[in-house]
Amino acid sequence: MCLFCKIIKGKIPTNKIYEDEKVFAFLDIQPVNPGHILVIPKKHVANLEEVESNDLKALMVVIKKMGSRLKEKLPCPAYNVIQNNGSLSGQEIMHLHFHLIPRFEGDGLKPFPQQKYGLGEAESIKERLQF
């Protein structure tokens, strides 16, 4: 049983923020900023490709509620929603989860570094990815 499944079942204490039949939300124990929330499905799935569409919709509804709550109650002017999908992306616990990270003026967090496509690279990638 994974760490998040143990949290959902009450085997590991947590600072629960929200729970319904499909979704569980709690404070991250190692927050990027105070108020950092994790939103997870109660049904164990490892990643975004495995989650059922109805469960993903339920997650997104709660993420929206949690974002509004952060802005209203902390208050914070903005927040990031981040989902790491697979270990190479930084996913450490193989149970789908979304991070809601409150953002504050001067918090020192930087966006992802950006780069430019090489000649013809964007067109090549587009052709491989298009439906």
C-alpha atoms as a PDB file:
ATOM      1  CA  MET A   1       0.000   0.000   0.000  1.00  0.00           C
ATOM      2  CA  CYS A   2       1.465   3.365  -1.012  1.00  0.00           C
ATOM      3  CA  LEU A   3       1.990   6.304   1.342  1.00  0.00           C
ATOM      4  CA  PHE A   4      -1.013   8.248   0.016  1.00  0.00           C
ATOM      5  CA  CYS A   5      -3.304   5.213   0.281  1.00  0.00           C
ATOM      6  CA  LYS A   6      -2.219   4.895   3.923  1.00  0.00           C
ATOM      7  CA  ILE A   7      -3.035   8.585   4.480  1.00  0.00           C
ATOM      8  CA  ILE A   8      -6.488   8.162   2.911  1.00  0.00           C
ATOM      9  CA  LYS A   9      -7.182   5.131   5.145  1.00  0.00           C
ATOM     10  CA  GLY A  10      -6.111   7.079   8.261  1.00  0.00           C
ATOM     11  CA  LYS A  11      -3.050   4.905   8.940  1.00  0.00           C
ATOM     12  CA  ILE A  12      -0.782   7.963   8.742  1.00  0.00           C
ATOM     13  CA  PRO A  13      -1.869  11.257  10.315  1.00  0.00           C
ATOM     14  CA  THR A  14      -2.182  14.277   8.062  1.00  0.00           C
ATOM     15  CA  ASN A  15      -3.555  17.807   7.994  1.00  0.00           C
ATOM     16  CA  LYS A  16      -6.666  17.049   5.950  1.00  0.00           C
ATOM     17  CA  ILE A  17      -8.232  20.032   4.205  1.00  0.00           C
ATOM     18  CA  TYR A  18     -10.984  18.311   2.203  1.00  0.00           C
ATOM     19  CA  GLU A  19     -12.509  14.895   1.561  1.00  0.00           C
ATOM     20  CA  ASP A  20     -15.399  13.551  -0.492  1.00  0.00           C
ATOM     21  CA  GLU A  21     -16.185  10.172  -2.038  1.00  0.00           C
ATOM     22  CA  LYS A  22     -13.518  10.501  -4.775  1.00  0.00           C
ATOM     23  CA  VAL A  23     -11.001  13.128  -3.653  1.00  0.00           C
ATOM     24  CA  PHE A  24      -8.742  13.786  -0.667  1.00  0.00           C
ATOM     25  CA  ALA A  25      -6.785  17.028  -0.093  1.00  0.00           C
ATOM     26  CA  PHE A  26      -4.202  17.713   2.603  1.00  0.00           C
ATOM     27  CA  LEU A  27      -1.243  19.934   3.462  1.00  0.00           C
ATOM     28  CA  ASP A  28       2.117  18.798   2.088  1.00  0.00           C
ATOM     29  CA  ILE A  29       4.477  17.980   4.989  1.00  0.00           C
ATOM     30  CA  GLN A  30       7.371  19.598   3.087  1.00  0.00           C
ATOM     31  CA  PRO A  31       5.703  22.697   1.635  1.00  0.00           C
ATOM     32  CA  VAL A  32       7.278  24.836  -1.054  1.00  0.00           C
ATOM     33  CA  ASN A  33       5.348  27.716   0.532  1.00  0.00           C
ATOM     34  CA  PRO A  34       2.983  27.718   3.550  1.00  0.00           C
ATOM     35  CA  GLY A  35      -0.417  26.392   2.474  1.00  0.00           C
ATOM     36  CA  HIS A  36       1.002  23.951  -0.142  1.00  0.00           C
ATOM     37  CA  ILE A  37      -1.838  21.455  -0.737  1.00  0.00           C
ATOM     38  CA  LEU A  38      -1.824  18.001  -2.315  1.00  0.00           C
ATOM     39  CA  VAL A  39      -5.020  16.874  -4.059  1.00  0.00           C
ATOM     40  CA  ILE A  40      -5.272  13.140  -4.763  1.00  0.00           C
ATOM     41  CA  PRO A  41      -7.829  10.624  -5.984  1.00  0.00           C
ATOM     42  CA  LYS A  42      -8.983   8.171  -3.339  1.00  0.00           C
ATOM     43  CA  LYS A  43      -8.746   5.378  -5.891  1.00  0.00           C
ATOM     44  CA  HIS A  44      -5.109   4.396  -6.350  1.00  0.00           C
ATOM     45  CA  VAL A  45      -3.771   5.249  -9.797  1.00  0.00           C
ATOM     46  CA  ALA A  46      -0.112   5.875 -10.479  1.00  0.00           C
ATOM     47  CA  ASN A  47      -0.363   8.603 -13.090  1.00  0.00           C
ATOM     48  CA  LEU A  48      -2.503  10.812 -15.286  1.00  0.00           C
ATOM     49  CA  GLU A  49      -2.952   8.193 -18.010  1.00  0.00           C
ATOM     50  CA  GLU A  50      -4.465   5.710 -15.535  1.00  0.00           C
ATOM     51  CA  VAL A  51      -7.122   7.951 -13.977  1.00  0.00           C
ATOM     52  CA  GLU A  52     -10.699   7.564 -15.187  1.00  0.00           C
ATOM     53  CA  SER A  53     -12.222  10.657 -16.808  1.00  0.00           C
ATOM     54  CA  ASN A  54     -14.933  11.045 -14.133  1.00  0.00           C
ATOM     55  CA  ASP A  55     -12.333  10.847 -11.366  1.00  0.00           C
ATOM     56  CA  LEU A  56     -10.154  13.407 -13.149  1.00  0.00           C
ATOM     57  CA  LYS A  57     -13.141  15.739 -13.425  1.00  0.00           C
ATOM     58  CA  ALA A  58     -13.774  15.348  -9.671  1.00  0.00           C
ATOM     59  CA  LEU A  59     -10.103  16.164  -8.987  1.00  0.00           C
ATOM     60  CA  MET A  60     -10.250  19.297 -11.141  1.00  0.00           C
ATOM     61  CA  VAL A  61     -13.391  20.540  -9.375  1.00  0.00           C
ATOM     62  CA  VAL A  62     -11.647  20.193  -6.005  1.00  0.00           C
ATOM     63  CA  ILE A  63      -8.448  21.789  -7.320  1.00  0.00           C
ATOM     64  CA  LYS A  64     -10.499  24.799  -8.412  1.00  0.00           C
ATOM     65  CA  LYS A  65     -12.166  24.996  -4.954  1.00  0.00           C
ATOM     66  CA  MET A  66      -8.811  24.691  -3.178  1.00  0.00           C
ATOM     67  CA  GLY A  67      -7.280  27.405  -5.374  1.00  0.00           C
ATOM     68  CA  SER A  68     -10.102  29.797  -4.522  1.00  0.00           C
ATOM     69  CA  ARG A  69      -9.722  28.902  -0.854  1.00  0.00           C
ATOM     70  CA  LEU A  70      -5.987  29.664  -0.907  1.00  0.00           C
ATOM     71  CA  LYS A  71      -6.592  33.077  -2.461  1.00  0.00           C
ATOM     72  CA  GLU A  72      -9.406  33.907  -0.058  1.00  0.00           C
ATOM     73  CA  LYS A  73      -8.122  32.545   3.252  1.00  0.00           C
ATOM     74  CA  LEU A  74      -4.311  32.815   3.266  1.00  0.00           C
ATOM     75  CA  PRO A  75      -4.577  35.167   1.283  1.00  0.00           C
ATOM     76  CA  CYS A  76      -2.190  34.649  -1.594  1.00  0.00           C
ATOM     77  CA  PRO A  77      -2.411  36.524  -4.903  1.00  0.00           C
ATOM     78  CA  ALA A  78      -1.664  33.492  -7.079  1.00  0.00           C
ATOM     79  CA  TYR A  79      -0.859  29.783  -7.035  1.00  0.00           C
ATOM     80  CA  ASN A  80       0.684  27.100  -9.218  1.00  0.00           C
ATOM     81  CA  VAL A  81      -1.013  23.798 -10.044  1.00  0.00           C
ATOM     82  CA  ILE A  82       1.671  21.205 -10.751  1.00  0.00           C
ATOM     83  CA  GLN A  83       1.393  17.515 -11.558  1.00  0.00           C
ATOM     84  CA  ASN A  84       4.586  15.499 -11.968  1.00  0.00           C
ATOM     85  CA  ASN A  85       3.893  12.460 -14.141  1.00  0.00           C
ATOM     86  CA  GLY A  86       6.552   9.746 -13.777  1.00  0.00           C
ATOM     87  CA  SER A  87       9.783   9.580 -11.800  1.00  0.00           C
ATOM     88  CA  LEU A  88      11.836  11.460 -14.404  1.00  0.00           C
ATOM     89  CA  SER A  89       9.471  14.446 -14.000  1.00  0.00           C
ATOM     90  CA  GLY A  90       9.997  14.469 -10.239  1.00  0.00           C
ATOM     91  CA  GLN A  91       7.109  12.234  -9.135  1.00  0.00           C
ATOM     92  CA  GLU A  92       8.310  10.524  -5.947  1.00  0.00           C
ATOM     93  CA  ILE A  93       5.095   8.844  -4.807  1.00  0.00           C
ATOM     94  CA  MET A  94       3.493   6.775  -7.541  1.00  0.00           C
ATOM     95  CA  HIS A  95      -0.055   7.807  -6.679  1.00  0.00           C
ATOM     96  CA  LEU A  96      -1.459  10.564  -8.889  1.00  0.00           C
ATOM     97  CA  HIS A  97      -1.358  13.902  -7.106  1.00  0.00           C
ATOM     98  CA  PHE A  98      -1.609  17.583  -7.877  1.00  0.00           C
ATOM     99  CA  HIS A  99       0.310  20.260  -5.993  1.00  0.00           C
ATOM    100  CA  LEU A 100      -1.327  23.611  -5.303  1.00  0.00           C
ATOM    101  CA  ILE A 101       1.494  25.944  -4.357  1.00  0.00           C
ATOM    102  CA  PRO A 102       0.558  29.378  -3.012  1.00  0.00           C
ATOM    103  CA  ARG A 103       2.620  32.182  -4.511  1.00  0.00           C
ATOM    104  CA  PHE A 104       3.626  35.335  -2.723  1.00  0.00           C
ATOM    105  CA  GLU A 105       5.465  38.454  -3.866  1.00  0.00           C
ATOM    106  CA  GLY A 106       9.210  37.888  -3.464  1.00  0.00           C
ATOM    107  CA  ASP A 107       8.932  34.158  -2.655  1.00  0.00           C
ATOM    108  CA  GLY A 108      11.959  33.435  -4.862  1.00  0.00           C
ATOM    109  CA  LEU A 109      10.313  30.702  -6.941  1.00  0.00           C
ATOM    110  CA  LYS A 110      11.205  30.807 -10.626  1.00  0.00           C
ATOM    111  CA  PRO A 111       9.306  29.427 -13.627  1.00  0.00           C
ATOM    112  CA  PHE A 112      10.730  26.593 -15.703  1.00  0.00           C
ATOM    113  CA  PRO A 113      13.709  27.621 -17.844  1.00  0.00           C
ATOM    114  CA  GLN A 114      12.793  28.062 -21.491  1.00  0.00           C
ATOM    115  CA  GLN A 115      14.619  27.315 -24.705  1.00  0.00           C
ATOM    116  CA  LYS A 116      14.059  27.758 -28.430  1.00  0.00           C
ATOM    117  CA  TYR A 117      13.428  25.114 -31.081  1.00  0.00           C
ATOM    118  CA  GLY A 118      16.127  24.448 -33.624  1.00  0.00           C
ATOM    119  CA  LEU A 119      15.492  24.857 -37.340  1.00  0.00           C
ATOM    120  CA  GLY A 120      12.632  22.509 -38.355  1.00  0.00           C
ATOM    121  CA  GLU A 121      12.423  20.932 -34.894  1.00  0.00           C
ATOM    122  CA  ALA A 122       8.971  22.318 -33.968  1.00  0.00           C
ATOM    123  CA  GLU A 123       7.481  21.139 -37.268  1.00  0.00           C
ATOM    124  CA  SER A 124       8.948  17.650 -36.806  1.00  0.00           C
ATOM    125  CA  ILE A 125       7.621  17.346 -33.275  1.00  0.00           C
ATOM    126  CA  LYS A 126       4.214  18.716 -34.310  1.00  0.00           C
ATOM    127  CA  GLU A 127       3.914  16.020 -37.003  1.00  0.00           C
ATOM    128  CA  ARG A 128       4.666  13.270 -34.477  1.00  0.00           C
ATOM    129  CA  LEU A 129       2.208  14.594 -31.892  1.00  0.00           C
ATOM    130  CA  GLN A 130      -0.772  15.673 -34.008  1.00  0.00           C
ATOM    131  CA  PHE A 131      -3.936  13.573 -34.038  1.00  0.00           C
END
